[in-house]
Amino acid sequence: MGTGEIALPCLRALLASQHEVCAVVTQPDRPVGRHQEMHPPGPKVMAQEAGIPVLQPEKLSNAEDLAELAAFAPELIVVMAYGQILSMDVIELPTVGCINVHASLLPRHRGASCIQAAIADGDEESGVTIMHVVKKLDAGDVILRKRVSIGAGETGGDLHDRLAELSPPVLLEAMEGLEAGTSEREVQDEALSTYAPKLLRADGKIDWSVSAAELSRRIRAYDPWPGTFAVFKDGKGRERRLKIYPGTEAVEVAGGPGAVRVEEDGVVVCCGEGGLRLSSVQPEGGRRMTVAEFVVGHGFGDGGQLF
């Protein structure tokens, strides 16, 4: 059961393993892009190419959809980035168990934006956790974890791809233990749990009253989604968005939050604590450019303001 692209390496590994994948359950096709063309989830495409039946219930809770799933008589359900909370009818259906592949070191960073949260919060490491699925979100007993260090300049997209490729061998090892009856169960410490909710595009709006160090991490964490942006006024006084790309540097500077300082070695925006030296930006309706090009092209000099 999976919908996000991060689930594809695990599905690919299962298809190539000695295990029989009897079906793939994924979200319905959704409209994507400017023209809102219907787009199938990646796991659906991979399953169809392998000749595996695909189920796409809008919500896996009605009797007809549950009966269709039960007809496969699954021994094990593997979940990764499916996008729906499972009912107890689904969780208790397989004879061996229902397990989840989660891209964080649980109990830290439960929820949909666990990868971004690890970078934004300044964690030194992340990883993959295999756990039993329970009714409460990401709260089941842990079967296995695999840790990795987070790189100094790593973005959310970078870490996403690394954890996607790390997941298959961890999953297969956990499945071996379940099959042999030797896997362990570690109860999560609720006192150590944190919640990382699903991110919206609006979450990328920069709050310049936050410290420069925290903003620099957030800009890396939110690349490519949801991205980070500020607002500036162009030469005609119109408010326009300015996308901020990773490559920023926290520096010492004095000034009110959002105040722009043009220096010999670049452009610095004052923050709640310190300042952020920008690297590349993209004004609304324009192309990606260096911040120096933006300053020259938009007459945006020292004393300007980002909101």
C-alpha atoms as a PDB file:
ATOM      1  CA  MET A   1       0.000   0.000   0.000  1.00  0.00           C
ATOM      2  CA  GLY A   2       1.693   3.195  -1.169  1.00  0.00           C
ATOM      3  CA  THR A   3       1.199   6.326  -3.221  1.00  0.00           C
ATOM      4  CA  GLY A   4       4.268   8.574  -2.896  1.00  0.00           C
ATOM      5  CA  GLU A   5       7.346   8.231  -5.096  1.00  0.00           C
ATOM      6  CA  ILE A   6       9.377   7.313  -2.007  1.00  0.00           C
ATOM      7  CA  ALA A   7       7.551   3.963  -1.960  1.00  0.00           C
ATOM      8  CA  LEU A   8       8.738   2.881  -5.416  1.00  0.00           C
ATOM      9  CA  PRO A   9      12.125   1.382  -4.423  1.00  0.00           C
ATOM     10  CA  CYS A  10      10.406  -0.791  -1.803  1.00  0.00           C
ATOM     11  CA  LEU A  11       7.787  -1.983  -4.291  1.00  0.00           C
ATOM     12  CA  ARG A  12      10.515  -2.684  -6.848  1.00  0.00           C
ATOM     13  CA  ALA A  13      12.444  -4.731  -4.256  1.00  0.00           C
ATOM     14  CA  LEU A  14       9.356  -6.717  -3.269  1.00  0.00           C
ATOM     15  CA  LEU A  15       8.601  -7.530  -6.897  1.00  0.00           C
ATOM     16  CA  ALA A  16      12.162  -8.817  -7.325  1.00  0.00           C
ATOM     17  CA  SER A  17      12.134 -10.813  -4.065  1.00  0.00           C
ATOM     18  CA  GLN A  18      10.970 -14.348  -3.289  1.00  0.00           C
ATOM     19  CA  HIS A  19       7.759 -12.909  -1.871  1.00  0.00           C
ATOM     20  CA  GLU A  20       4.537 -12.817  -3.902  1.00  0.00           C
ATOM     21  CA  VAL A  21       3.022  -9.364  -4.304  1.00  0.00           C
ATOM     22  CA  CYS A  22      -0.657 -10.227  -4.726  1.00  0.00           C
ATOM     23  CA  ALA A  23      -1.916  -6.643  -5.123  1.00  0.00           C
ATOM     24  CA  VAL A  24      -0.989  -2.962  -4.882  1.00  0.00           C
ATOM     25  CA  VAL A  25      -3.320  -0.503  -3.156  1.00  0.00           C
ATOM     26  CA  THR A  26      -2.803   3.170  -3.988  1.00  0.00           C
ATOM     27  CA  GLN A  27      -4.709   6.456  -4.115  1.00  0.00           C
ATOM     28  CA  PRO A  28      -6.970   7.276  -7.092  1.00  0.00           C
ATOM     29  CA  ASP A  29      -5.509   9.099 -10.094  1.00  0.00           C
ATOM     30  CA  ARG A  30      -5.426  12.865  -9.460  1.00  0.00           C
ATOM     31  CA  PRO A  31      -5.412  15.967 -11.708  1.00  0.00           C
ATOM     32  CA  VAL A  32      -1.916  17.464 -11.966  1.00  0.00           C
ATOM     33  CA  GLY A  33      -0.408  20.589 -13.516  1.00  0.00           C
ATOM     34  CA  ARG A  34      -1.768  23.668 -15.214  1.00  0.00           C
ATOM     35  CA  HIS A  35      -4.054  21.633 -17.481  1.00  0.00           C
ATOM     36  CA  GLN A  36      -5.224  19.376 -14.608  1.00  0.00           C
ATOM     37  CA  GLU A  37      -4.609  16.188 -16.546  1.00  0.00           C
ATOM     38  CA  MET A  38      -5.261  12.964 -14.641  1.00  0.00           C
ATOM     39  CA  HIS A  39      -2.028  11.425 -13.375  1.00  0.00           C
ATOM     40  CA  PRO A  40      -1.640   7.885 -11.961  1.00  0.00           C
ATOM     41  CA  PRO A  41       0.437   7.312  -8.815  1.00  0.00           C
ATOM     42  CA  GLY A  42       3.871   5.815  -9.456  1.00  0.00           C
ATOM     43  CA  PRO A  43       3.083   2.529  -7.636  1.00  0.00           C
ATOM     44  CA  LYS A  44       0.093   1.987  -9.953  1.00  0.00           C
ATOM     45  CA  VAL A  45       2.277   2.357 -13.033  1.00  0.00           C
ATOM     46  CA  MET A  46       4.929  -0.013 -11.650  1.00  0.00           C
ATOM     47  CA  ALA A  47       2.319  -2.588 -10.631  1.00  0.00           C
ATOM     48  CA  GLN A  48       0.615  -2.527 -14.031  1.00  0.00           C
ATOM     49  CA  GLU A  49       3.955  -2.992 -15.771  1.00  0.00           C
ATOM     50  CA  ALA A  50       4.512  -6.072 -13.590  1.00  0.00           C
ATOM     51  CA  GLY A  51       0.990  -7.413 -14.186  1.00  0.00           C
ATOM     52  CA  ILE A  52      -0.053  -6.933 -10.545  1.00  0.00           C
ATOM     53  CA  PRO A  53      -3.694  -6.100  -9.710  1.00  0.00           C
ATOM     54  CA  VAL A  54      -4.231  -2.500  -8.543  1.00  0.00           C
ATOM     55  CA  LEU A  55      -6.879  -1.219  -6.123  1.00  0.00           C
ATOM     56  CA  GLN A  56      -7.573   2.535  -5.909  1.00  0.00           C
ATOM     57  CA  PRO A  57     -10.323   3.143  -3.349  1.00  0.00           C
ATOM     58  CA  GLU A  58     -11.138   6.781  -2.598  1.00  0.00           C
ATOM     59  CA  LYS A  59     -11.288   5.757   1.045  1.00  0.00           C
ATOM     60  CA  LEU A  60     -10.550   2.210   2.135  1.00  0.00           C
ATOM     61  CA  SER A  61     -13.428   1.870   4.577  1.00  0.00           C
ATOM     62  CA  ASN A  62     -16.592   0.731   2.773  1.00  0.00           C
ATOM     63  CA  ALA A  63     -17.607  -2.915   2.734  1.00  0.00           C
ATOM     64  CA  GLU A  64     -17.132  -3.399  -1.016  1.00  0.00           C
ATOM     65  CA  ASP A  65     -13.507  -2.149  -1.022  1.00  0.00           C
ATOM     66  CA  LEU A  66     -12.669  -4.136   2.111  1.00  0.00           C
ATOM     67  CA  ALA A  67     -14.110  -7.295   0.557  1.00  0.00           C
ATOM     68  CA  GLU A  68     -12.053  -6.749  -2.602  1.00  0.00           C
ATOM     69  CA  LEU A  69      -8.891  -6.431  -0.505  1.00  0.00           C
ATOM     70  CA  ALA A  70      -9.787  -9.409   1.699  1.00  0.00           C
ATOM     71  CA  ALA A  71     -10.247 -11.593  -1.382  1.00  0.00           C
ATOM     72  CA  PHE A  72      -6.468 -11.580  -1.860  1.00  0.00           C
ATOM     73  CA  ALA A  73      -6.048 -13.197   1.593  1.00  0.00           C
ATOM     74  CA  PRO A  74      -2.811 -11.318   2.317  1.00  0.00           C
ATOM     75  CA  GLU A  75      -0.371 -12.694   4.856  1.00  0.00           C
ATOM     76  CA  LEU A  76       1.360  -9.325   5.191  1.00  0.00           C
ATOM     77  CA  ILE A  77       0.464  -5.739   4.300  1.00  0.00           C
ATOM     78  CA  VAL A  78       3.392  -3.364   3.725  1.00  0.00           C
ATOM     79  CA  VAL A  79       2.545   0.338   3.902  1.00  0.00           C
ATOM     80  CA  MET A  80       4.720   3.267   2.805  1.00  0.00           C
ATOM     81  CA  ALA A  81       3.479   6.797   2.075  1.00  0.00           C
ATOM     82  CA  TYR A  82      -0.037   5.550   1.310  1.00  0.00           C
ATOM     83  CA  GLY A  83      -1.795   8.741   2.403  1.00  0.00           C
ATOM     84  CA  GLN A  84      -4.748   7.318   4.341  1.00  0.00           C
ATOM     85  CA  ILE A  85      -5.288   6.309   7.954  1.00  0.00           C
ATOM     86  CA  LEU A  86      -6.101   2.599   7.996  1.00  0.00           C
ATOM     87  CA  SER A  87      -9.089   1.156   9.817  1.00  0.00           C
ATOM     88  CA  MET A  88      -8.739  -1.761  12.215  1.00  0.00           C
ATOM     89  CA  ASP A  89     -10.504  -3.908   9.594  1.00  0.00           C
ATOM     90  CA  VAL A  90      -7.506  -3.392   7.304  1.00  0.00           C
ATOM     91  CA  ILE A  91      -4.843  -3.560  10.024  1.00  0.00           C
ATOM     92  CA  GLU A  92      -6.165  -6.885  11.348  1.00  0.00           C
ATOM     93  CA  LEU A  93      -6.770  -8.436   7.904  1.00  0.00           C
ATOM     94  CA  PRO A  94      -3.355 -10.029   7.184  1.00  0.00           C
ATOM     95  CA  THR A  95      -2.418 -13.162   9.099  1.00  0.00           C
ATOM     96  CA  VAL A  96       1.209 -12.172   9.791  1.00  0.00           C
ATOM     97  CA  GLY A  97       0.778  -8.444  10.268  1.00  0.00           C
ATOM     98  CA  CYS A  98       0.497  -4.952   8.843  1.00  0.00           C
ATOM     99  CA  ILE A  99       3.774  -3.028   8.858  1.00  0.00           C
ATOM    100  CA  ASN A 100       4.831   0.476   7.869  1.00  0.00           C
ATOM    101  CA  VAL A 101       8.067   1.815   6.372  1.00  0.00           C
ATOM    102  CA  HIS A 102       8.574   5.296   7.846  1.00  0.00           C
ATOM    103  CA  ALA A 103      11.297   7.773   6.839  1.00  0.00           C
ATOM    104  CA  SER A 104      12.381   8.913  10.289  1.00  0.00           C
ATOM    105  CA  LEU A 105      13.806   7.513  13.501  1.00  0.00           C
ATOM    106  CA  LEU A 106      10.605   6.949  15.422  1.00  0.00           C
ATOM    107  CA  PRO A 107       9.279   8.050  17.808  1.00  0.00           C
ATOM    108  CA  ARG A 108      10.799  11.330  16.565  1.00  0.00           C
ATOM    109  CA  HIS A 109       8.951  12.973  13.663  1.00  0.00           C
ATOM    110  CA  ARG A 110       5.717  11.096  13.287  1.00  0.00           C
ATOM    111  CA  GLY A 111       3.580  12.357  10.430  1.00  0.00           C
ATOM    112  CA  ALA A 112       3.762  13.254   6.748  1.00  0.00           C
ATOM    113  CA  SER A 113       6.635  15.789   6.737  1.00  0.00           C
ATOM    114  CA  CYS A 114       9.079  13.725   8.791  1.00  0.00           C
ATOM    115  CA  ILE A 115      11.935  14.168   6.283  1.00  0.00           C
ATOM    116  CA  GLN A 116      11.648  17.964   6.176  1.00  0.00           C
ATOM    117  CA  ALA A 117      11.257  18.147   9.958  1.00  0.00           C
ATOM    118  CA  ALA A 118      14.556  16.350  10.579  1.00  0.00           C
ATOM    119  CA  ILE A 119      16.473  18.959   8.563  1.00  0.00           C
ATOM    120  CA  ALA A 120      14.472  21.976   9.749  1.00  0.00           C
ATOM    121  CA  ASP A 121      14.952  21.002  13.397  1.00  0.00           C
ATOM    122  CA  GLY A 122      18.702  20.627  13.002  1.00  0.00           C
ATOM    123  CA  ASP A 123      18.842  16.865  13.632  1.00  0.00           C
ATOM    124  CA  GLU A 124      22.236  15.294  13.014  1.00  0.00           C
ATOM    125  CA  GLU A 125      20.724  12.036  11.767  1.00  0.00           C
ATOM    126  CA  SER A 126      17.630  10.530  10.217  1.00  0.00           C
ATOM    127  CA  GLY A 127      16.802   7.071   8.985  1.00  0.00           C
ATOM    128  CA  VAL A 128      14.183   4.434   8.280  1.00  0.00           C
ATOM    129  CA  THR A 129      11.927   2.723  10.811  1.00  0.00           C
ATOM    130  CA  ILE A 130       9.903  -0.442  10.220  1.00  0.00           C
ATOM    131  CA  MET A 131       6.997  -0.674  12.651  1.00  0.00           C
ATOM    132  CA  HIS A 132       3.717  -2.440  13.248  1.00  0.00           C
ATOM    133  CA  VAL A 133       0.706  -0.391  12.163  1.00  0.00           C
ATOM    134  CA  VAL A 134      -1.769   0.586  14.873  1.00  0.00           C
ATOM    135  CA  LYS A 135      -4.771   2.908  14.835  1.00  0.00           C
ATOM    136  CA  LYS A 136      -2.750   5.830  16.247  1.00  0.00           C
ATOM    137  CA  LEU A 137      -0.530   7.573  13.687  1.00  0.00           C
ATOM    138  CA  ASP A 138       3.014   6.137  13.489  1.00  0.00           C
ATOM    139  CA  ALA A 139       2.768   4.885  17.076  1.00  0.00           C
ATOM    140  CA  GLY A 140       3.165   1.126  16.608  1.00  0.00           C
ATOM    141  CA  ASP A 141       5.907  -1.066  18.035  1.00  0.00           C
ATOM    142  CA  VAL A 142       9.230  -0.750  16.231  1.00  0.00           C
ATOM    143  CA  ILE A 143      10.650  -3.798  14.466  1.00  0.00           C
ATOM    144  CA  LEU A 144      13.844  -2.351  13.000  1.00  0.00           C
ATOM    145  CA  ARG A 145      15.672   0.974  12.460  1.00  0.00           C
ATOM    146  CA  LYS A 146      18.489   2.058  10.161  1.00  0.00           C
ATOM    147  CA  ARG A 147      20.286   5.359  10.896  1.00  0.00           C
ATOM    148  CA  VAL A 148      22.040   7.757   8.507  1.00  0.00           C
ATOM    149  CA  SER A 149      23.779  11.094   9.086  1.00  0.00           C
ATOM    150  CA  ILE A 150      22.276  14.245   7.584  1.00  0.00           C
ATOM    151  CA  GLY A 151      24.739  16.136   5.389  1.00  0.00           C
ATOM    152  CA  ALA A 152      25.591  19.774   6.087  1.00  0.00           C
ATOM    153  CA  GLY A 153      24.076  21.017   2.811  1.00  0.00           C
ATOM    154  CA  GLU A 154      21.481  18.295   2.319  1.00  0.00           C
ATOM    155  CA  THR A 155      18.028  19.351   1.129  1.00  0.00           C
ATOM    156  CA  GLY A 156      14.685  17.717   1.764  1.00  0.00           C
ATOM    157  CA  GLY A 157      14.809  16.294  -1.753  1.00  0.00           C
ATOM    158  CA  ASP A 158      18.296  14.887  -1.234  1.00  0.00           C
ATOM    159  CA  LEU A 159      17.344  13.154   2.012  1.00  0.00           C
ATOM    160  CA  HIS A 160      14.080  11.896   0.526  1.00  0.00           C
ATOM    161  CA  ASP A 161      15.967  10.130  -2.270  1.00  0.00           C
ATOM    162  CA  ARG A 162      18.575   8.660   0.081  1.00  0.00           C
ATOM    163  CA  LEU A 163      15.951   7.268   2.463  1.00  0.00           C
ATOM    164  CA  ALA A 164      13.944   5.870  -0.457  1.00  0.00           C
ATOM    165  CA  GLU A 165      16.964   3.821  -1.543  1.00  0.00           C
ATOM    166  CA  LEU A 166      17.851   2.877   2.048  1.00  0.00           C
ATOM    167  CA  SER A 167      14.394   1.479   2.777  1.00  0.00           C
ATOM    168  CA  PRO A 168      14.234  -1.756   0.698  1.00  0.00           C
ATOM    169  CA  PRO A 169      16.993  -3.744   2.448  1.00  0.00           C
ATOM    170  CA  VAL A 170      15.680  -2.670   5.861  1.00  0.00           C
ATOM    171  CA  LEU A 171      12.169  -3.759   4.894  1.00  0.00           C
ATOM    172  CA  LEU A 172      13.337  -7.133   3.555  1.00  0.00           C
ATOM    173  CA  GLU A 173      15.366  -7.767   6.720  1.00  0.00           C
ATOM    174  CA  ALA A 174      12.318  -7.001   8.863  1.00  0.00           C
ATOM    175  CA  MET A 175      10.189  -9.337   6.738  1.00  0.00           C
ATOM    176  CA  GLU A 176      12.711 -12.148   7.183  1.00  0.00           C
ATOM    177  CA  GLY A 177      12.392 -11.771  10.947  1.00  0.00           C
ATOM    178  CA  LEU A 178       8.598 -11.790  10.779  1.00  0.00           C
ATOM    179  CA  GLU A 179       8.618 -14.889   8.588  1.00  0.00           C
ATOM    180  CA  ALA A 180      11.023 -16.681  10.921  1.00  0.00           C
ATOM    181  CA  GLY A 181       9.220 -15.514  14.050  1.00  0.00           C
ATOM    182  CA  THR A 182      12.392 -13.895  15.399  1.00  0.00           C
ATOM    183  CA  SER A 183      11.583 -10.183  14.993  1.00  0.00           C
ATOM    184  CA  GLU A 184      11.538  -7.992  18.079  1.00  0.00           C
ATOM    185  CA  ARG A 185       8.965  -5.402  19.153  1.00  0.00           C
ATOM    186  CA  GLU A 186      10.104  -2.187  20.829  1.00  0.00           C
ATOM    187  CA  VAL A 187       7.389  -0.034  22.368  1.00  0.00           C
ATOM    188  CA  GLN A 188       7.801   3.626  21.377  1.00  0.00           C
ATOM    189  CA  ASP A 189       8.477   6.155  24.128  1.00  0.00           C
ATOM    190  CA  GLU A 190       5.573   8.598  23.836  1.00  0.00           C
ATOM    191  CA  ALA A 191       7.539  11.254  25.748  1.00  0.00           C
ATOM    192  CA  LEU A 192      10.040  11.399  22.851  1.00  0.00           C
ATOM    193  CA  SER A 193       7.469  11.638  20.060  1.00  0.00           C
ATOM    194  CA  THR A 194       7.064  14.705  17.850  1.00  0.00           C
ATOM    195  CA  TYR A 195       4.528  15.424  15.116  1.00  0.00           C
ATOM    196  CA  ALA A 196       5.358  16.679  11.613  1.00  0.00           C
ATOM    197  CA  PRO A 197       2.095  17.527   9.797  1.00  0.00           C
ATOM    198  CA  LYS A 198       1.540  17.547   6.065  1.00  0.00           C
ATOM    199  CA  LEU A 199       3.071  20.674   4.510  1.00  0.00           C
ATOM    200  CA  LEU A 200       1.155  23.148   2.372  1.00  0.00           C
ATOM    201  CA  ARG A 201       2.608  25.653  -0.066  1.00  0.00           C
ATOM    202  CA  ALA A 202       1.740  28.448   2.371  1.00  0.00           C
ATOM    203  CA  ASP A 203       4.102  26.880   4.929  1.00  0.00           C
ATOM    204  CA  GLY A 204       7.000  28.034   2.742  1.00  0.00           C
ATOM    205  CA  LYS A 205       6.387  31.717   3.563  1.00  0.00           C
ATOM    206  CA  ILE A 206       9.516  33.008   5.315  1.00  0.00           C
ATOM    207  CA  ASP A 207       9.153  34.657   8.708  1.00  0.00           C
ATOM    208  CA  TRP A 208      12.164  36.979   8.961  1.00  0.00           C
ATOM    209  CA  SER A 209      11.731  37.314  12.736  1.00  0.00           C
ATOM    210  CA  VAL A 210      13.101  33.770  13.074  1.00  0.00           C
ATOM    211  CA  SER A 211      16.866  33.298  13.506  1.00  0.00           C
ATOM    212  CA  ALA A 212      19.028  33.115  10.376  1.00  0.00           C
ATOM    213  CA  ALA A 213      20.342  29.665  11.320  1.00  0.00           C
ATOM    214  CA  GLU A 214      16.822  28.252  11.596  1.00  0.00           C
ATOM    215  CA  LEU A 215      15.706  29.867   8.341  1.00  0.00           C
ATOM    216  CA  SER A 216      18.720  28.475   6.502  1.00  0.00           C
ATOM    217  CA  ARG A 217      17.788  24.959   7.657  1.00  0.00           C
ATOM    218  CA  ARG A 218      14.152  25.483   6.718  1.00  0.00           C
ATOM    219  CA  ILE A 219      15.066  26.642   3.210  1.00  0.00           C
ATOM    220  CA  ARG A 220      17.076  23.430   2.724  1.00  0.00           C
ATOM    221  CA  ALA A 221      14.370  21.274   4.294  1.00  0.00           C
ATOM    222  CA  TYR A 222      11.590  22.689   2.129  1.00  0.00           C
ATOM    223  CA  ASP A 223      13.428  22.206  -1.174  1.00  0.00           C
ATOM    224  CA  PRO A 224      11.851  21.141  -3.497  1.00  0.00           C
ATOM    225  CA  TRP A 225       8.502  21.072  -1.657  1.00  0.00           C
ATOM    226  CA  PRO A 226       6.864  23.279  -0.576  1.00  0.00           C
ATOM    227  CA  GLY A 227       9.725  25.663  -1.397  1.00  0.00           C
ATOM    228  CA  THR A 228      10.340  28.902   0.481  1.00  0.00           C
ATOM    229  CA  PHE A 229       9.422  32.415  -0.545  1.00  0.00           C
ATOM    230  CA  ALA A 230       9.307  36.016   0.605  1.00  0.00           C
ATOM    231  CA  VAL A 231       7.396  39.015  -0.714  1.00  0.00           C
ATOM    232  CA  PHE A 232       8.954  42.171  -2.214  1.00  0.00           C
ATOM    233  CA  LYS A 233       7.623  45.326  -3.830  1.00  0.00           C
ATOM    234  CA  ASP A 234       8.690  45.922  -7.418  1.00  0.00           C
ATOM    235  CA  GLY A 235       9.399  49.287  -9.032  1.00  0.00           C
ATOM    236  CA  LYS A 236       5.671  49.931  -9.416  1.00  0.00           C
ATOM    237  CA  GLY A 237       4.914  49.182  -5.795  1.00  0.00           C
ATOM    238  CA  ARG A 238       3.281  45.833  -6.559  1.00  0.00           C
ATOM    239  CA  GLU A 239       3.770  42.982  -4.107  1.00  0.00           C
ATOM    240  CA  ARG A 240       5.374  39.961  -5.754  1.00  0.00           C
ATOM    241  CA  ARG A 241       6.699  36.639  -4.545  1.00  0.00           C
ATOM    242  CA  LEU A 242      10.400  35.867  -4.462  1.00  0.00           C
ATOM    243  CA  LYS A 243      11.383  32.215  -4.266  1.00  0.00           C
ATOM    244  CA  ILE A 244      14.467  31.593  -2.110  1.00  0.00           C
ATOM    245  CA  TYR A 245      16.717  28.656  -3.007  1.00  0.00           C
ATOM    246  CA  PRO A 246      19.143  26.692  -0.794  1.00  0.00           C
ATOM    247  CA  GLY A 247      22.733  27.882  -0.636  1.00  0.00           C
ATOM    248  CA  THR A 248      22.058  30.522   1.993  1.00  0.00           C
ATOM    249  CA  GLU A 249      24.518  31.350   4.770  1.00  0.00           C
ATOM    250  CA  ALA A 250      23.804  32.635   8.275  1.00  0.00           C
ATOM    251  CA  VAL A 251      25.983  35.666   9.112  1.00  0.00           C
ATOM    252  CA  GLU A 252      26.274  38.361  11.767  1.00  0.00           C
ATOM    253  CA  VAL A 253      24.376  41.535  10.885  1.00  0.00           C
ATOM    254  CA  ALA A 254      22.218  44.108  12.626  1.00  0.00           C
ATOM    255  CA  GLY A 255      18.857  45.361  11.422  1.00  0.00           C
ATOM    256  CA  GLY A 256      15.137  44.848  11.569  1.00  0.00           C
ATOM    257  CA  PRO A 257      13.699  41.565  10.283  1.00  0.00           C
ATOM    258  CA  GLY A 258      13.478  41.585   6.484  1.00  0.00           C
ATOM    259  CA  ALA A 259      15.782  44.587   6.000  1.00  0.00           C
ATOM    260  CA  VAL A 260      18.093  44.146   2.996  1.00  0.00           C
ATOM    261  CA  ARG A 261      21.820  44.916   3.186  1.00  0.00           C
ATOM    262  CA  VAL A 262      23.793  44.981  -0.072  1.00  0.00           C
ATOM    263  CA  GLU A 263      27.437  44.226   0.701  1.00  0.00           C
ATOM    264  CA  GLU A 264      30.560  43.673  -1.370  1.00  0.00           C
ATOM    265  CA  ASP A 265      30.276  39.907  -1.026  1.00  0.00           C
ATOM    266  CA  GLY A 266      26.541  39.606  -1.546  1.00  0.00           C
ATOM    267  CA  VAL A 267      23.075  40.437  -0.299  1.00  0.00           C
ATOM    268  CA  VAL A 268      22.117  39.834   3.320  1.00  0.00           C
ATOM    269  CA  VAL A 269      18.594  39.901   4.751  1.00  0.00           C
ATOM    270  CA  CYS A 270      18.328  40.709   8.452  1.00  0.00           C
ATOM    271  CA  CYS A 271      16.562  38.132  10.616  1.00  0.00           C
ATOM    272  CA  GLY A 272      15.379  37.906  14.200  1.00  0.00           C
ATOM    273  CA  GLU A 273      18.915  36.822  15.059  1.00  0.00           C
ATOM    274  CA  GLY A 274      21.745  37.418  12.579  1.00  0.00           C
ATOM    275  CA  GLY A 275      21.218  37.651   8.856  1.00  0.00           C
ATOM    276  CA  LEU A 276      20.859  35.402   5.853  1.00  0.00           C
ATOM    277  CA  ARG A 277      23.174  35.808   2.858  1.00  0.00           C
ATOM    278  CA  LEU A 278      21.165  34.752  -0.188  1.00  0.00           C
ATOM    279  CA  SER A 279      22.507  32.801  -3.143  1.00  0.00           C
ATOM    280  CA  SER A 280      19.887  32.413  -5.849  1.00  0.00           C
ATOM    281  CA  VAL A 281      16.277  33.521  -6.167  1.00  0.00           C
ATOM    282  CA  GLN A 282      13.395  33.497  -8.616  1.00  0.00           C
ATOM    283  CA  PRO A 283      11.002  36.448  -8.815  1.00  0.00           C
ATOM    284  CA  GLU A 284       7.372  35.685  -9.543  1.00  0.00           C
ATOM    285  CA  GLY A 285       6.909  35.308 -13.286  1.00  0.00           C
ATOM    286  CA  GLY A 286      10.666  35.274 -13.916  1.00  0.00           C
ATOM    287  CA  ARG A 287      13.557  32.843 -14.122  1.00  0.00           C
ATOM    288  CA  ARG A 288      15.930  31.592 -11.455  1.00  0.00           C
ATOM    289  CA  MET A 289      18.884  33.964 -11.089  1.00  0.00           C
ATOM    290  CA  THR A 290      21.704  34.913  -8.761  1.00  0.00           C
ATOM    291  CA  VAL A 291      20.732  37.406  -6.104  1.00  0.00           C
ATOM    292  CA  ALA A 292      23.158  39.913  -7.699  1.00  0.00           C
ATOM    293  CA  GLU A 293      21.202  39.689 -10.966  1.00  0.00           C
ATOM    294  CA  PHE A 294      17.972  40.186  -9.079  1.00  0.00           C
ATOM    295  CA  VAL A 295      19.260  43.308  -7.308  1.00  0.00           C
ATOM    296  CA  VAL A 296      20.439  44.888 -10.558  1.00  0.00           C
ATOM    297  CA  GLY A 297      17.390  43.908 -12.592  1.00  0.00           C
ATOM    298  CA  HIS A 298      14.822  45.050 -10.056  1.00  0.00           C
ATOM    299  CA  GLY A 299      16.553  48.111  -8.628  1.00  0.00           C
ATOM    300  CA  PHE A 300      16.478  46.424  -5.262  1.00  0.00           C
ATOM    301  CA  GLY A 301      19.332  47.888  -3.278  1.00  0.00           C
ATOM    302  CA  ASP A 302      20.482  48.594   0.249  1.00  0.00           C
ATOM    303  CA  GLY A 303      17.602  49.633   2.466  1.00  0.00           C
ATOM    304  CA  GLY A 304      15.083  47.483   0.638  1.00  0.00           C
ATOM    305  CA  GLN A 305      12.688  45.209   2.480  1.00  0.00           C
ATOM    306  CA  LEU A 306      11.469  41.642   2.175  1.00  0.00           C
ATOM    307  CA  PHE A 307       8.257  40.642   3.840  1.00  0.00           C
END
